Amino acid sequence: MTAERRRKAIEMRAQGMTFDAIGAALGVSDVAAGKLVRGALEELAHEITEHADAMRAQGFDIRAIRPPT
């Protein structure tokens, strides 16, 4: 359930909703909503780091990768 709540919270935050609004939508406080969003962002950062490490292990130079413009 927590993973689903984090997913919903990060989607709502990406749409510009405040923590108060996210909390109301999920039935939690604004502080809990902030923690859900922060947890989701931490999970994403961890996944990105794992992918980057795997690419480095395969010999990719990830510094050469540029985001699309």
Protein backbone atom coordinates (compact mmCIF):
# COMPACT_ATOMS: atom_id res chain seq x y z
CA MET A 1 0.00 0.00 0.00
CA THR A 2 2.80 2.41 0.78
CA ALA A 3 4.34 2.02 -2.68
CA GLU A 4 0.97 2.80 -4.25
CA ARG A 5 0.52 5.83 -2.00
CA ARG A 6 3.99 7.07 -2.89
CA ARG A 7 3.23 6.65 -6.59
CA LYS A 8 -0.01 8.60 -6.24
CA ALA A 9 1.63 11.28 -4.11
CA ILE A 10 4.47 11.88 -6.58
CA GLU A 11 2.03 12.03 -9.49
CA MET A 12 -0.09 14.61 -7.67
CA ARG A 13 2.99 16.65 -6.75
CA ALA A 14 4.15 16.56 -10.37
CA GLN A 15 0.76 18.02 -11.31
CA GLY A 16 1.47 20.93 -8.97
CA MET A 17 -0.69 19.92 -6.01
CA THR A 18 0.30 21.16 -2.57
CA PHE A 19 1.10 18.80 0.28
CA ASP A 20 -2.17 19.89 1.90
CA ALA A 21 -4.11 18.87 -1.21
CA ILE A 22 -2.19 15.61 -1.58
CA GLY A 23 -2.79 14.79 2.06
CA ALA A 24 -6.51 15.48 1.72
CA ALA A 25 -6.73 13.29 -1.38
CA LEU A 26 -4.90 10.42 0.32
CA GLY A 27 -6.47 10.85 3.74
CA VAL A 28 -3.24 11.81 5.50
CA SER A 29 -1.73 14.99 6.94
CA ASP A 30 0.29 17.44 4.87
CA VAL A 31 3.41 16.28 6.74
CA ALA A 32 2.68 12.64 5.86
CA ALA A 33 2.08 13.67 2.24
CA GLY A 34 5.49 15.35 2.19
CA LYS A 35 7.08 12.19 3.55
CA LEU A 36 5.38 10.11 0.85
CA VAL A 37 6.68 12.42 -1.88
CA ARG A 38 10.17 12.49 -0.37
CA GLY A 39 10.15 8.69 -0.13
CA ALA A 40 9.13 8.40 -3.77
CA LEU A 41 11.91 10.75 -4.83
CA GLU A 42 14.45 8.82 -2.77
CA GLU A 43 13.33 5.57 -4.43
CA LEU A 44 13.71 7.14 -7.88
CA ALA A 45 17.18 8.43 -7.03
CA HIS A 46 18.18 4.97 -5.83
CA GLU A 47 16.88 3.34 -9.04
CA ILE A 48 18.74 5.87 -11.20
CA THR A 49 21.95 5.23 -9.28
CA GLU A 50 21.54 1.46 -9.72
CA HIS A 51 21.00 1.87 -13.47
CA ALA A 52 24.00 4.17 -13.80
CA ASP A 53 26.18 1.71 -11.87
CA ALA A 54 25.03 -1.15 -14.11
CA MET A 55 25.83 0.89 -17.21
CA ARG A 56 29.30 1.74 -15.85
CA ALA A 57 29.89 -1.96 -15.13
CA GLN A 58 29.11 -2.69 -18.78
CA GLY A 59 31.67 -0.13 -19.90
CA PHE A 60 29.36 2.75 -20.80
CA ASP A 61 30.66 6.25 -20.23
CA ILE A 62 27.51 7.80 -18.79
CA ARG A 63 29.16 11.23 -18.69
CA ALA A 64 28.86 11.25 -22.47
CA ILE A 65 25.08 10.84 -22.29
CA ARG A 66 23.26 14.11 -22.67
CA PRO A 67 19.55 14.69 -22.09
CA PRO A 68 17.47 15.57 -25.14
CA THR A 69 17.10 19.28 -25.83
